[in-house]
């Protein structure tokens, strides 16, 4: 089990994970899609409280648009993934977030550990 916060404006490239994962959106809106084409404009919003299953060996991508998304992720570890488009970057920056929303230990603002309450 792990928790993470995806910083606003960051999406993760099309990929396949070997095992099934269960995700709960703890805060914010998490956007996701499936299929081999990375298309954040056609992603589906998962608001706070949504439960999601990422099935193993299925093509998917996800991220955060205009706000951070805090997630609780449960599954067999260690978690790995295989890019579907190996020539593309692992993360895509949609719009730069205000510098005040970035975690001080994360220079790219992509994904950061959730801070304990």
PDB file of N, CA and C in Angstrom:
ATOM      1  N   UNK A   1       0.857  -1.157   0.000  1.00  0.00           N
ATOM      2  CA  UNK A   1       0.000   0.000   0.000  1.00  0.00           C
ATOM      3  C   UNK A   1       0.909   1.227   0.000  1.00  0.00           C
ATOM      4  N   UNK A   2       0.531   2.209  -0.810  1.00  0.00           N
ATOM      5  CA  UNK A   2       1.279   3.458  -0.835  1.00  0.00           C
ATOM      6  C   UNK A   2       0.323   4.610  -1.109  1.00  0.00           C
ATOM      7  N   UNK A   3       0.762   5.782  -0.757  1.00  0.00           N
ATOM      8  CA  UNK A   3      -0.014   6.974  -1.094  1.00  0.00           C
ATOM      9  C   UNK A   3       0.891   7.906  -1.878  1.00  0.00           C
ATOM     10  N   UNK A   4       0.283   8.659  -2.770  1.00  0.00           N
ATOM     11  CA  UNK A   4       1.044   9.579  -3.610  1.00  0.00           C
ATOM     12  C   UNK A   4       0.152  10.741  -3.999  1.00  0.00           C
ATOM     13  N   UNK A   5       0.789  11.851  -4.314  1.00  0.00           N
ATOM     14  CA  UNK A   5       0.071  13.001  -4.846  1.00  0.00           C
ATOM     15  C   UNK A   5       0.633  13.301  -6.230  1.00  0.00           C
ATOM     16  N   UNK A   6      -0.256  13.343  -7.209  1.00  0.00           N
ATOM     17  CA  UNK A   6       0.131  13.719  -8.568  1.00  0.00           C
ATOM     18  C   UNK A   6      -0.099  15.222  -8.669  1.00  0.00           C
ATOM     19  N   UNK A   7       0.949  15.967  -8.970  1.00  0.00           N
ATOM     20  CA  UNK A   7       0.855  17.424  -9.039  1.00  0.00           C
ATOM     21  C   UNK A   7       0.026  17.861 -10.241  1.00  0.00           C
ATOM     22  N   UNK A   8      -0.706  18.941 -10.057  1.00  0.00           N
ATOM     23  CA  UNK A   8      -1.540  19.457 -11.138  1.00  0.00           C
ATOM     24  C   UNK A   8      -0.726  19.657 -12.404  1.00  0.00           C
ATOM     25  N   UNK A   9      -1.351  19.361 -13.539  1.00  0.00           N
ATOM     26  CA  UNK A   9      -0.701  19.560 -14.826  1.00  0.00           C
ATOM     27  C   UNK A   9       0.178  18.411 -15.276  1.00  0.00           C
ATOM     28  N   UNK A  10       0.250  17.321 -14.519  1.00  0.00           N
ATOM     29  CA  UNK A  10       1.097  16.192 -14.882  1.00  0.00           C
ATOM     30  C   UNK A  10       0.260  14.980 -15.254  1.00  0.00           C
ATOM     31  N   UNK A  11       0.578  14.395 -16.399  1.00  0.00           N
ATOM     32  CA  UNK A  11      -0.042  13.153 -16.846  1.00  0.00           C
ATOM     33  C   UNK A  11       1.069  12.158 -17.142  1.00  0.00           C
ATOM     34  N   UNK A  12       0.771  10.895 -16.950  1.00  0.00           N
ATOM     35  CA  UNK A  12       1.754   9.847 -17.173  1.00  0.00           C
ATOM     36  C   UNK A  12       1.455   9.122 -18.470  1.00  0.00           C
ATOM     37  N   UNK A  13       2.504   8.841 -19.215  1.00  0.00           N
ATOM     38  CA  UNK A  13       2.375   8.272 -20.551  1.00  0.00           C
ATOM     39  C   UNK A  13       1.646   6.942 -20.551  1.00  0.00           C
ATOM     40  N   UNK A  14       1.235   6.548 -21.740  1.00  0.00           N
ATOM     41  CA  UNK A  14       0.561   5.280 -21.958  1.00  0.00           C
ATOM     42  C   UNK A  14       1.498   4.156 -21.506  1.00  0.00           C
ATOM     43  N   UNK A  15       0.940   3.247 -20.669  1.00  0.00           N
ATOM     44  CA  UNK A  15       1.772   2.189 -20.118  1.00  0.00           C
ATOM     45  C   UNK A  15       0.931   0.959 -19.769  1.00  0.00           C
ATOM     46  N   UNK A  16       1.638  -0.111 -19.460  1.00  0.00           N
ATOM     47  CA  UNK A  16       1.024  -1.363 -19.010  1.00  0.00           C
ATOM     48  C   UNK A  16       1.675  -1.725 -17.682  1.00  0.00           C
ATOM     49  N   UNK A  17       0.871  -2.040 -16.689  1.00  0.00           N
ATOM     50  CA  UNK A  17       1.376  -2.518 -15.404  1.00  0.00           C
ATOM     51  C   UNK A  17       1.102  -4.016 -15.326  1.00  0.00           C
ATOM     52  N   UNK A  18       2.050  -4.793 -14.799  1.00  0.00           N
ATOM     53  CA  UNK A  18       1.868  -6.245 -14.817  1.00  0.00           C
ATOM     54  C   UNK A  18       0.791  -6.765 -13.866  1.00  0.00           C
ATOM     55  N   UNK A  19       0.596  -6.096 -12.722  1.00  0.00           N
ATOM     56  CA  UNK A  19      -0.379  -6.566 -11.749  1.00  0.00           C
ATOM     57  C   UNK A  19      -1.553  -5.617 -11.616  1.00  0.00           C
ATOM     58  N   UNK A  20      -2.632  -6.158 -11.086  1.00  0.00           N
ATOM     59  CA  UNK A  20      -3.821  -5.350 -10.800  1.00  0.00           C
ATOM     60  C   UNK A  20      -3.524  -4.437  -9.615  1.00  0.00           C
ATOM     61  N   UNK A  21      -4.048  -3.210  -9.696  1.00  0.00           N
ATOM     62  CA  UNK A  21      -3.901  -2.229  -8.614  1.00  0.00           C
ATOM     63  C   UNK A  21      -5.262  -1.646  -8.295  1.00  0.00           C
ATOM     64  N   UNK A  22      -5.471  -1.380  -7.019  1.00  0.00           N
ATOM     65  CA  UNK A  22      -6.708  -0.754  -6.558  1.00  0.00           C
ATOM     66  C   UNK A  22      -6.350   0.636  -6.063  1.00  0.00           C
ATOM     67  N   UNK A  23      -7.092   1.641  -6.509  1.00  0.00           N
ATOM     68  CA  UNK A  23      -6.769   3.034  -6.198  1.00  0.00           C
ATOM     69  C   UNK A  23      -8.012   3.729  -5.655  1.00  0.00           C
ATOM     70  N   UNK A  24      -7.822   4.527  -4.606  1.00  0.00           N
ATOM     71  CA  UNK A  24      -8.881   5.390  -4.084  1.00  0.00           C
ATOM     72  C   UNK A  24      -8.379   6.818  -4.212  1.00  0.00           C
ATOM     73  N   UNK A  25      -9.215   7.693  -4.770  1.00  0.00           N
ATOM     74  CA  UNK A  25      -8.871   9.112  -4.867  1.00  0.00           C
ATOM     75  C   UNK A  25      -9.208   9.737  -3.517  1.00  0.00           C
ATOM     76  N   UNK A  26      -8.172  10.144  -2.781  1.00  0.00           N
ATOM     77  CA  UNK A  26      -8.359  10.710  -1.450  1.00  0.00           C
ATOM     78  C   UNK A  26      -8.706  12.190  -1.488  1.00  0.00           C
ATOM     79  N   UNK A  27      -8.188  12.890  -2.486  1.00  0.00           N
ATOM     80  CA  UNK A  27      -8.433  14.333  -2.586  1.00  0.00           C
ATOM     81  C   UNK A  27      -8.165  14.786  -4.012  1.00  0.00           C
ATOM     82  N   UNK A  28      -8.914  15.755  -4.470  1.00  0.00           N
ATOM     83  CA  UNK A  28      -8.729  16.291  -5.812  1.00  0.00           C
ATOM     84  C   UNK A  28      -9.443  15.441  -6.853  1.00  0.00           C
ATOM     85  N   UNK A  29      -9.087  15.677  -8.110  1.00  0.00           N
ATOM     86  CA  UNK A  29      -9.652  14.911  -9.229  1.00  0.00           C
ATOM     87  C   UNK A  29      -8.509  14.289 -10.010  1.00  0.00           C
ATOM     88  N   UNK A  30      -8.597  12.998 -10.206  1.00  0.00           N
ATOM     89  CA  UNK A  30      -7.615  12.232 -10.965  1.00  0.00           C
ATOM     90  C   UNK A  30      -8.242  11.920 -12.310  1.00  0.00           C
ATOM     91  N   UNK A  31      -7.529  12.155 -13.381  1.00  0.00           N
ATOM     92  CA  UNK A  31      -8.038  11.964 -14.741  1.00  0.00           C
ATOM     93  C   UNK A  31      -7.372  10.742 -15.336  1.00  0.00           C
ATOM     94  N   UNK A  32      -8.157   9.899 -16.007  1.00  0.00           N
ATOM     95  CA  UNK A  32      -7.568   8.695 -16.577  1.00  0.00           C
ATOM     96  C   UNK A  32      -8.185   8.326 -17.911  1.00  0.00           C
ATOM     97  N   UNK A  33      -7.469   7.479 -18.624  1.00  0.00           N
ATOM     98  CA  UNK A  33      -7.958   6.989 -19.894  1.00  0.00           C
ATOM     99  C   UNK A  33      -7.315   5.650 -20.206  1.00  0.00           C
ATOM    100  N   UNK A  34      -7.817   4.999 -21.245  1.00  0.00           N
ATOM    101  CA  UNK A  34      -7.252   3.724 -21.658  1.00  0.00           C
ATOM    102  C   UNK A  34      -7.069   3.738 -23.170  1.00  0.00           C
ATOM    103  N   UNK A  35      -6.277   2.802 -23.638  1.00  0.00           N
ATOM    104  CA  UNK A  35      -5.973   2.738 -25.057  1.00  0.00           C
ATOM    105  C   UNK A  35      -4.581   3.251 -25.331  1.00  0.00           C
ATOM    106  N   UNK A  36      -4.083   2.974 -26.498  1.00  0.00           N
ATOM    107  CA  UNK A  36      -2.694   3.278 -26.851  1.00  0.00           C
ATOM    108  C   UNK A  36      -2.441   4.742 -27.184  1.00  0.00           C
ATOM    109  N   UNK A  37      -3.485   5.558 -27.314  1.00  0.00           N
ATOM    110  CA  UNK A  37      -3.298   6.968 -27.661  1.00  0.00           C
ATOM    111  C   UNK A  37      -3.412   7.841 -26.415  1.00  0.00           C
ATOM    112  N   UNK A  38      -2.345   8.573 -26.102  1.00  0.00           N
ATOM    113  CA  UNK A  38      -2.358   9.521 -24.997  1.00  0.00           C
ATOM    114  C   UNK A  38      -3.185  10.739 -25.413  1.00  0.00           C
ATOM    115  N   UNK A  39      -4.306  10.964 -24.736  1.00  0.00           N
ATOM    116  CA  UNK A  39      -5.226  12.031 -25.119  1.00  0.00           C
ATOM    117  C   UNK A  39      -5.883  12.639 -23.875  1.00  0.00           C
ATOM    118  N   UNK A  40      -5.167  13.520 -23.148  1.00  0.00           N
ATOM    119  CA  UNK A  40      -5.709  14.066 -21.904  1.00  0.00           C
ATOM    120  C   UNK A  40      -6.996  14.856 -22.089  1.00  0.00           C
ATOM    121  N   UNK A  41      -7.254  15.376 -23.297  1.00  0.00           N
ATOM    122  CA  UNK A  41      -8.499  16.122 -23.526  1.00  0.00           C
ATOM    123  C   UNK A  41      -9.722  15.213 -23.466  1.00  0.00           C
ATOM    124  N   UNK A  42      -9.533  13.909 -23.646  1.00  0.00           N
ATOM    125  CA  UNK A  42     -10.640  12.959 -23.586  1.00  0.00           C
ATOM    126  C   UNK A  42     -10.539  12.019 -22.389  1.00  0.00           C
ATOM    127  N   UNK A  43      -9.810  12.452 -21.346  1.00  0.00           N
ATOM    128  CA  UNK A  43      -9.708  11.629 -20.149  1.00  0.00           C
ATOM    129  C   UNK A  43     -10.973  11.769 -19.309  1.00  0.00           C
ATOM    130  N   UNK A  44     -11.179  10.819 -18.408  1.00  0.00           N
ATOM    131  CA  UNK A  44     -12.389  10.754 -17.588  1.00  0.00           C
ATOM    132  C   UNK A  44     -12.038  11.179 -16.164  1.00  0.00           C
ATOM    133  N   UNK A  45     -12.808  12.110 -15.578  1.00  0.00           N
ATOM    134  CA  UNK A  45     -12.492  12.565 -14.221  1.00  0.00           C
ATOM    135  C   UNK A  45     -12.914  11.552 -13.160  1.00  0.00           C
ATOM    136  N   UNK A  46     -12.043  11.360 -12.170  1.00  0.00           N
ATOM    137  CA  UNK A  46     -12.328  10.530 -11.003  1.00  0.00           C
ATOM    138  C   UNK A  46     -12.230  11.442  -9.781  1.00  0.00           C
ATOM    139  N   UNK A  47     -13.370  11.929  -9.268  1.00  0.00           N
ATOM    140  CA  UNK A  47     -13.335  12.876  -8.149  1.00  0.00           C
ATOM    141  C   UNK A  47     -13.006  12.190  -6.818  1.00  0.00           C
ATOM    142  N   UNK A  48     -12.790  13.002  -5.800  1.00  0.00           N
ATOM    143  CA  UNK A  48     -12.526  12.512  -4.452  1.00  0.00           C
ATOM    144  C   UNK A  48     -13.534  11.435  -4.068  1.00  0.00           C
ATOM    145  N   UNK A  49     -13.042  10.320  -3.514  1.00  0.00           N
ATOM    146  CA  UNK A  49     -13.898   9.222  -3.087  1.00  0.00           C
ATOM    147  C   UNK A  49     -14.077   8.124  -4.111  1.00  0.00           C
ATOM    148  N   UNK A  50     -13.602   8.324  -5.328  1.00  0.00           N
ATOM    149  CA  UNK A  50     -13.761   7.316  -6.380  1.00  0.00           C
ATOM    150  C   UNK A  50     -12.817   6.142  -6.141  1.00  0.00           C
ATOM    151  N   UNK A  51     -13.325   4.929  -6.371  1.00  0.00           N
ATOM    152  CA  UNK A  51     -12.526   3.706  -6.313  1.00  0.00           C
ATOM    153  C   UNK A  51     -12.281   3.240  -7.741  1.00  0.00           C
ATOM    154  N   UNK A  52     -11.018   2.932  -8.072  1.00  0.00           N
ATOM    155  CA  UNK A  52     -10.633   2.544  -9.429  1.00  0.00           C
ATOM    156  C   UNK A  52      -9.834   1.245  -9.375  1.00  0.00           C
ATOM    157  N   UNK A  53     -10.063   0.369 -10.337  1.00  0.00           N
ATOM    158  CA  UNK A  53      -9.218  -0.813 -10.508  1.00  0.00           C
ATOM    159  C   UNK A  53      -8.444  -0.667 -11.807  1.00  0.00           C
ATOM    160  N   UNK A  54      -7.116  -0.718 -11.713  1.00  0.00           N
ATOM    161  CA  UNK A  54      -6.265  -0.828 -12.896  1.00  0.00           C
ATOM    162  C   UNK A  54      -5.986  -2.313 -13.062  1.00  0.00           C
ATOM    163  N   UNK A  55      -6.525  -2.919 -14.099  1.00  0.00           N
ATOM    164  CA  UNK A  55      -6.319  -4.339 -14.327  1.00  0.00           C
ATOM    165  C   UNK A  55      -4.933  -4.575 -14.906  1.00  0.00           C
ATOM    166  N   UNK A  56      -4.277  -5.636 -14.470  1.00  0.00           N
ATOM    167  CA  UNK A  56      -2.952  -5.978 -14.959  1.00  0.00           C
ATOM    168  C   UNK A  56      -2.952  -6.212 -16.461  1.00  0.00           C
ATOM    169  N   UNK A  57      -1.847  -5.832 -17.081  1.00  0.00           N
ATOM    170  CA  UNK A  57      -1.614  -6.051 -18.514  1.00  0.00           C
ATOM    171  C   UNK A  57      -2.613  -5.311 -19.410  1.00  0.00           C
ATOM    172  N   UNK A  58      -3.178  -4.216 -18.907  1.00  0.00           N
ATOM    173  CA  UNK A  58      -4.095  -3.388 -19.699  1.00  0.00           C
ATOM    174  C   UNK A  58      -3.449  -2.025 -19.949  1.00  0.00           C
ATOM    175  N   UNK A  59      -3.612  -1.495 -21.133  1.00  0.00           N
ATOM    176  CA  UNK A  59      -3.028  -0.205 -21.507  1.00  0.00           C
ATOM    177  C   UNK A  59      -3.829   0.922 -20.862  1.00  0.00           C
ATOM    178  N   UNK A  60      -3.133   1.841 -20.183  1.00  0.00           N
ATOM    179  CA  UNK A  60      -3.811   2.960 -19.519  1.00  0.00           C
ATOM    180  C   UNK A  60      -2.852   4.139 -19.346  1.00  0.00           C
ATOM    181  N   UNK A  61      -3.400   5.271 -18.968  1.00  0.00           N
ATOM    182  CA  UNK A  61      -2.641   6.482 -18.645  1.00  0.00           C
ATOM    183  C   UNK A  61      -3.503   7.323 -17.717  1.00  0.00           C
ATOM    184  N   UNK A  62      -2.877   8.218 -16.969  1.00  0.00           N
ATOM    185  CA  UNK A  62      -3.614   8.992 -15.977  1.00  0.00           C
ATOM    186  C   UNK A  62      -2.821  10.219 -15.555  1.00  0.00           C
ATOM    187  N   UNK A  63      -3.452  11.066 -14.742  1.00  0.00           N
ATOM    188  CA  UNK A  63      -2.763  12.238 -14.241  1.00  0.00           C
ATOM    189  C   UNK A  63      -3.698  13.218 -13.572  1.00  0.00           C
ATOM    190  N   UNK A  64      -3.192  14.420 -13.382  1.00  0.00           N
ATOM    191  CA  UNK A  64      -3.945  15.494 -12.738  1.00  0.00           C
ATOM    192  C   UNK A  64      -3.966  16.691 -13.680  1.00  0.00           C
ATOM    193  N   UNK A  65      -5.103  17.362 -13.766  1.00  0.00           N
ATOM    194  CA  UNK A  65      -5.214  18.515 -14.668  1.00  0.00           C
ATOM    195  C   UNK A  65      -5.015  19.833 -13.915  1.00  0.00           C
ATOM    196  N   UNK A  66      -6.087  20.393 -13.358  1.00  0.00           N
ATOM    197  CA  UNK A  66      -6.001  21.738 -12.777  1.00  0.00           C
ATOM    198  C   UNK A  66      -5.921  21.747 -11.256  1.00  0.00           C
ATOM    199  N   UNK A  67      -5.703  20.582 -10.633  1.00  0.00           N
ATOM    200  CA  UNK A  67      -5.488  20.501  -9.186  1.00  0.00           C
ATOM    201  C   UNK A  67      -4.708  19.224  -8.895  1.00  0.00           C
ATOM    202  N   UNK A  68      -4.023  19.194  -7.753  1.00  0.00           N
ATOM    203  CA  UNK A  68      -3.331  17.990  -7.330  1.00  0.00           C
ATOM    204  C   UNK A  68      -4.346  16.886  -7.080  1.00  0.00           C
ATOM    205  N   UNK A  69      -3.917  15.643  -7.220  1.00  0.00           N
ATOM    206  CA  UNK A  69      -4.757  14.481  -6.917  1.00  0.00           C
ATOM    207  C   UNK A  69      -3.989  13.581  -5.952  1.00  0.00           C
ATOM    208  N   UNK A  70      -4.558  13.358  -4.762  1.00  0.00           N
ATOM    209  CA  UNK A  70      -3.947  12.469  -3.769  1.00  0.00           C
ATOM    210  C   UNK A  70      -4.594  11.101  -3.871  1.00  0.00           C
ATOM    211  N   UNK A  71      -3.756  10.068  -3.935  1.00  0.00           N
ATOM    212  CA  UNK A  71      -4.230   8.705  -4.188  1.00  0.00           C
ATOM    213  C   UNK A  71      -3.729   7.738  -3.127  1.00  0.00           C
ATOM    214  N   UNK A  72      -4.532   6.718  -2.834  1.00  0.00           N
ATOM    215  CA  UNK A  72      -4.117   5.569  -2.048  1.00  0.00           C
ATOM    216  C   UNK A  72      -4.089   4.399  -3.022  1.00  0.00           C
ATOM    217  N   UNK A  73      -2.921   3.741  -3.156  1.00  0.00           N
ATOM    218  CA  UNK A  73      -2.734   2.690  -4.148  1.00  0.00           C
ATOM    219  C   UNK A  73      -2.426   1.382  -3.422  1.00  0.00           C
ATOM    220  N   UNK A  74      -3.191   0.337  -3.739  1.00  0.00           N
ATOM    221  CA  UNK A  74      -3.009  -0.968  -3.110  1.00  0.00           C
ATOM    222  C   UNK A  74      -2.787  -2.007  -4.206  1.00  0.00           C
ATOM    223  N   UNK A  75      -1.784  -2.850  -4.018  1.00  0.00           N
ATOM    224  CA  UNK A  75      -1.510  -3.910  -4.982  1.00  0.00           C
ATOM    225  C   UNK A  75      -0.220  -4.611  -4.622  1.00  0.00           C
ATOM    226  N   UNK A  76       0.133  -5.635  -5.384  1.00  0.00           N
ATOM    227  CA  UNK A  76       1.382  -6.350  -5.158  1.00  0.00           C
ATOM    228  C   UNK A  76       2.541  -5.482  -5.603  1.00  0.00           C
ATOM    229  N   UNK A  77       3.595  -5.439  -4.838  1.00  0.00           N
ATOM    230  CA  UNK A  77       4.747  -4.624  -5.182  1.00  0.00           C
ATOM    231  C   UNK A  77       5.966  -5.491  -5.401  1.00  0.00           C
ATOM    232  N   UNK A  78       7.051  -4.941  -5.840  1.00  0.00           N
ATOM    233  CA  UNK A  78       7.146  -3.521  -6.193  1.00  0.00           C
ATOM    234  C   UNK A  78       6.379  -3.225  -7.472  1.00  0.00           C
ATOM    235  N   UNK A  79       5.824  -2.030  -7.544  1.00  0.00           N
ATOM    236  CA  UNK A  79       5.054  -1.629  -8.713  1.00  0.00           C
ATOM    237  C   UNK A  79       5.967  -1.293  -9.880  1.00  0.00           C
ATOM    238  N   UNK A  80       5.665  -1.850 -11.017  1.00  0.00           N
ATOM    239  CA  UNK A  80       6.426  -1.558 -12.230  1.00  0.00           C
ATOM    240  C   UNK A  80       5.449  -1.249 -13.352  1.00  0.00           C
ATOM    241  N   UNK A  81       5.948  -0.669 -14.411  1.00  0.00           N
ATOM    242  CA  UNK A  81       5.127  -0.439 -15.597  1.00  0.00           C
ATOM    243  C   UNK A  81       6.026  -0.440 -16.826  1.00  0.00           C
ATOM    244  N   UNK A  82       5.434  -0.748 -17.961  1.00  0.00           N
ATOM    245  CA  UNK A  82       6.145  -0.782 -19.234  1.00  0.00           C
ATOM    246  C   UNK A  82       5.521   0.255 -20.153  1.00  0.00           C
ATOM    247  N   UNK A  83       6.315   1.213 -20.648  1.00  0.00           N
ATOM    248  CA  UNK A  83       5.752   2.196 -21.578  1.00  0.00           C
ATOM    249  C   UNK A  83       5.284   1.542 -22.864  1.00  0.00           C
ATOM    250  N   UNK A  84       4.153   2.007 -23.381  1.00  0.00           N
ATOM    251  CA  UNK A  84       3.652   1.504 -24.660  1.00  0.00           C
ATOM    252  C   UNK A  84       4.368   2.211 -25.799  1.00  0.00           C
ATOM    253  N   UNK A  85       4.715   3.474 -25.571  1.00  0.00           N
ATOM    254  CA  UNK A  85       5.445   4.267 -26.557  1.00  0.00           C
ATOM    255  C   UNK A  85       6.806   4.585 -25.961  1.00  0.00           C
ATOM    256  N   UNK A  86       7.807   3.689 -26.093  1.00  0.00           N
ATOM    257  CA  UNK A  86       9.073   3.888 -25.402  1.00  0.00           C
ATOM    258  C   UNK A  86       9.812   5.162 -25.776  1.00  0.00           C
ATOM    259  N   UNK A  87       9.534   5.741 -26.922  1.00  0.00           N
ATOM    260  CA  UNK A  87      10.246   6.950 -27.327  1.00  0.00           C
ATOM    261  C   UNK A  87       9.702   8.207 -26.651  1.00  0.00           C
ATOM    262  N   UNK A  88       8.554   8.104 -25.984  1.00  0.00           N
ATOM    263  CA  UNK A  88       7.945   9.275 -25.350  1.00  0.00           C
ATOM    264  C   UNK A  88       8.383   9.391 -23.906  1.00  0.00           C
ATOM    265  N   UNK A  89       8.268  10.587 -23.385  1.00  0.00           N
ATOM    266  CA  UNK A  89       8.608  10.826 -21.987  1.00  0.00           C
ATOM    267  C   UNK A  89       7.634  10.091 -21.066  1.00  0.00           C
ATOM    268  N   UNK A  90       8.092   9.827 -19.853  1.00  0.00           N
ATOM    269  CA  UNK A  90       7.242   9.127 -18.879  1.00  0.00           C
ATOM    270  C   UNK A  90       6.139  10.037 -18.351  1.00  0.00           C
ATOM    271  N   UNK A  91       6.413  11.334 -18.257  1.00  0.00           N
ATOM    272  CA  UNK A  91       5.381  12.259 -17.795  1.00  0.00           C
ATOM    273  C   UNK A  91       5.196  13.372 -18.816  1.00  0.00           C
ATOM    274  N   UNK A  92       4.010  13.924 -18.850  1.00  0.00           N
ATOM    275  CA  UNK A  92       3.683  15.027 -19.742  1.00  0.00           C
ATOM    276  C   UNK A  92       3.221  16.197 -18.901  1.00  0.00           C
ATOM    277  N   UNK A  93       3.780  17.336 -19.146  1.00  0.00           N
ATOM    278  CA  UNK A  93       3.432  18.549 -18.430  1.00  0.00           C
ATOM    279  C   UNK A  93       2.358  19.266 -19.234  1.00  0.00           C
ATOM    280  N   UNK A  94       1.180  19.498 -18.645  1.00  0.00           N
ATOM    281  CA  UNK A  94       0.099  20.179 -19.355  1.00  0.00           C
ATOM    282  C   UNK A  94       0.213  21.695 -19.202  1.00  0.00           C
ATOM    283  N   UNK A  95       0.261  22.185 -18.007  1.00  0.00           N
ATOM    284  CA  UNK A  95       0.446  23.601 -17.701  1.00  0.00           C
ATOM    285  C   UNK A  95       1.294  23.676 -16.451  1.00  0.00           C
ATOM    286  N   UNK A  96       2.224  24.621 -16.366  1.00  0.00           N
ATOM    287  CA  UNK A  96       3.031  24.690 -15.148  1.00  0.00           C
ATOM    288  C   UNK A  96       2.173  25.109 -13.948  1.00  0.00           C
ATOM    289  N   UNK A  97       2.293  24.376 -12.823  1.00  0.00           N
ATOM    290  CA  UNK A  97       1.545  24.783 -11.642  1.00  0.00           C
ATOM    291  C   UNK A  97       2.222  25.977 -10.991  1.00  0.00           C
ATOM    292  N   UNK A  98       1.492  26.729 -10.192  1.00  0.00           N
ATOM    293  CA  UNK A  98       2.137  27.800  -9.436  1.00  0.00           C
ATOM    294  C   UNK A  98       3.228  27.200  -8.566  1.00  0.00           C
ATOM    295  N   UNK A  99       4.337  27.909  -8.411  1.00  0.00           N
ATOM    296  CA  UNK A  99       5.463  27.362  -7.657  1.00  0.00           C
ATOM    297  C   UNK A  99       5.083  27.028  -6.221  1.00  0.00           C
ATOM    298  N   UNK A 100       4.067  27.662  -5.677  1.00  0.00           N
ATOM    299  CA  UNK A 100       3.673  27.409  -4.293  1.00  0.00           C
ATOM    300  C   UNK A 100       3.062  26.026  -4.104  1.00  0.00           C
ATOM    301  N   UNK A 101       2.623  25.353  -5.197  1.00  0.00           N
ATOM    302  CA  UNK A 101       2.000  24.035  -5.048  1.00  0.00           C
ATOM    303  C   UNK A 101       3.015  22.906  -5.158  1.00  0.00           C
ATOM    304  N   UNK A 102       4.249  23.218  -5.498  1.00  0.00           N
ATOM    305  CA  UNK A 102       5.249  22.171  -5.657  1.00  0.00           C
ATOM    306  C   UNK A 102       5.823  21.768  -4.309  1.00  0.00           C
ATOM    307  N   UNK A 103       6.094  20.486  -4.176  1.00  0.00           N
ATOM    308  CA  UNK A 103       6.724  19.967  -2.973  1.00  0.00           C
ATOM    309  C   UNK A 103       8.174  20.421  -2.994  1.00  0.00           C
ATOM    310  N   UNK A 104       8.730  20.893  -1.867  1.00  0.00           N
ATOM    311  CA  UNK A 104      10.094  21.433  -1.879  1.00  0.00           C
ATOM    312  C   UNK A 104      11.167  20.425  -2.258  1.00  0.00           C
ATOM    313  N   UNK A 105      10.896  19.124  -2.108  1.00  0.00           N
ATOM    314  CA  UNK A 105      11.886  18.103  -2.451  1.00  0.00           C
ATOM    315  C   UNK A 105      11.693  17.534  -3.836  1.00  0.00           C
ATOM    316  N   UNK A 106      10.821  18.125  -4.638  1.00  0.00           N
ATOM    317  CA  UNK A 106      10.543  17.597  -5.969  1.00  0.00           C
ATOM    318  C   UNK A 106      10.670  18.732  -6.966  1.00  0.00           C
ATOM    319  N   UNK A 107      11.727  18.703  -7.771  1.00  0.00           N
ATOM    320  CA  UNK A 107      11.989  19.814  -8.673  1.00  0.00           C
ATOM    321  C   UNK A 107      11.120  19.811  -9.915  1.00  0.00           C
ATOM    322  N   UNK A 108      10.613  18.652 -10.341  1.00  0.00           N
ATOM    323  CA  UNK A 108       9.805  18.655 -11.557  1.00  0.00           C
ATOM    324  C   UNK A 108       8.312  18.732 -11.268  1.00  0.00           C
ATOM    325  N   UNK A 109       7.885  18.582 -10.011  1.00  0.00           N
ATOM    326  CA  UNK A 109       6.477  18.733  -9.650  1.00  0.00           C
ATOM    327  C   UNK A 109       5.591  17.607 -10.129  1.00  0.00           C
ATOM    328  N   UNK A 110       6.139  16.481 -10.573  1.00  0.00           N
ATOM    329  CA  UNK A 110       5.312  15.434 -11.168  1.00  0.00           C
ATOM    330  C   UNK A 110       4.548  14.626 -10.133  1.00  0.00           C
ATOM    331  N   UNK A 111       5.229  13.779  -9.412  1.00  0.00           N
ATOM    332  CA  UNK A 111       4.535  12.974  -8.400  1.00  0.00           C
ATOM    333  C   UNK A 111       5.345  13.072  -7.127  1.00  0.00           C
ATOM    334  N   UNK A 112       4.667  13.173  -6.031  1.00  0.00           N
ATOM    335  CA  UNK A 112       5.365  13.324  -4.768  1.00  0.00           C
ATOM    336  C   UNK A 112       4.637  12.514  -3.707  1.00  0.00           C
ATOM    337  N   UNK A 113       5.369  12.054  -2.704  1.00  0.00           N
ATOM    338  CA  UNK A 113       4.710  11.300  -1.650  1.00  0.00           C
ATOM    339  C   UNK A 113       3.703  12.171  -0.913  1.00  0.00           C
ATOM    340  N   UNK A 114       2.607  11.577  -0.503  1.00  0.00           N
ATOM    341  CA  UNK A 114       1.643  12.312   0.296  1.00  0.00           C
ATOM    342  C   UNK A 114       2.228  12.533   1.668  1.00  0.00           C
ATOM    343  N   UNK A 115       2.037  13.720   2.209  1.00  0.00           N
ATOM    344  CA  UNK A 115       2.542  14.029   3.537  1.00  0.00           C
ATOM    345  C   UNK A 115       1.570  13.490   4.577  1.00  0.00           C
ATOM    346  N   UNK A 116       2.095  12.962   5.698  1.00  0.00           N
ATOM    347  CA  UNK A 116       1.198  12.449   6.723  1.00  0.00           C
ATOM    348  C   UNK A 116       0.340  13.566   7.307  1.00  0.00           C
ATOM    349  N   UNK A 117      -0.878  13.218   7.708  1.00  0.00           N
ATOM    350  CA  UNK A 117      -1.798  14.215   8.264  1.00  0.00           C
ATOM    351  C   UNK A 117      -1.413  14.583   9.674  1.00  0.00           C
TER     352      UNK A 117
END
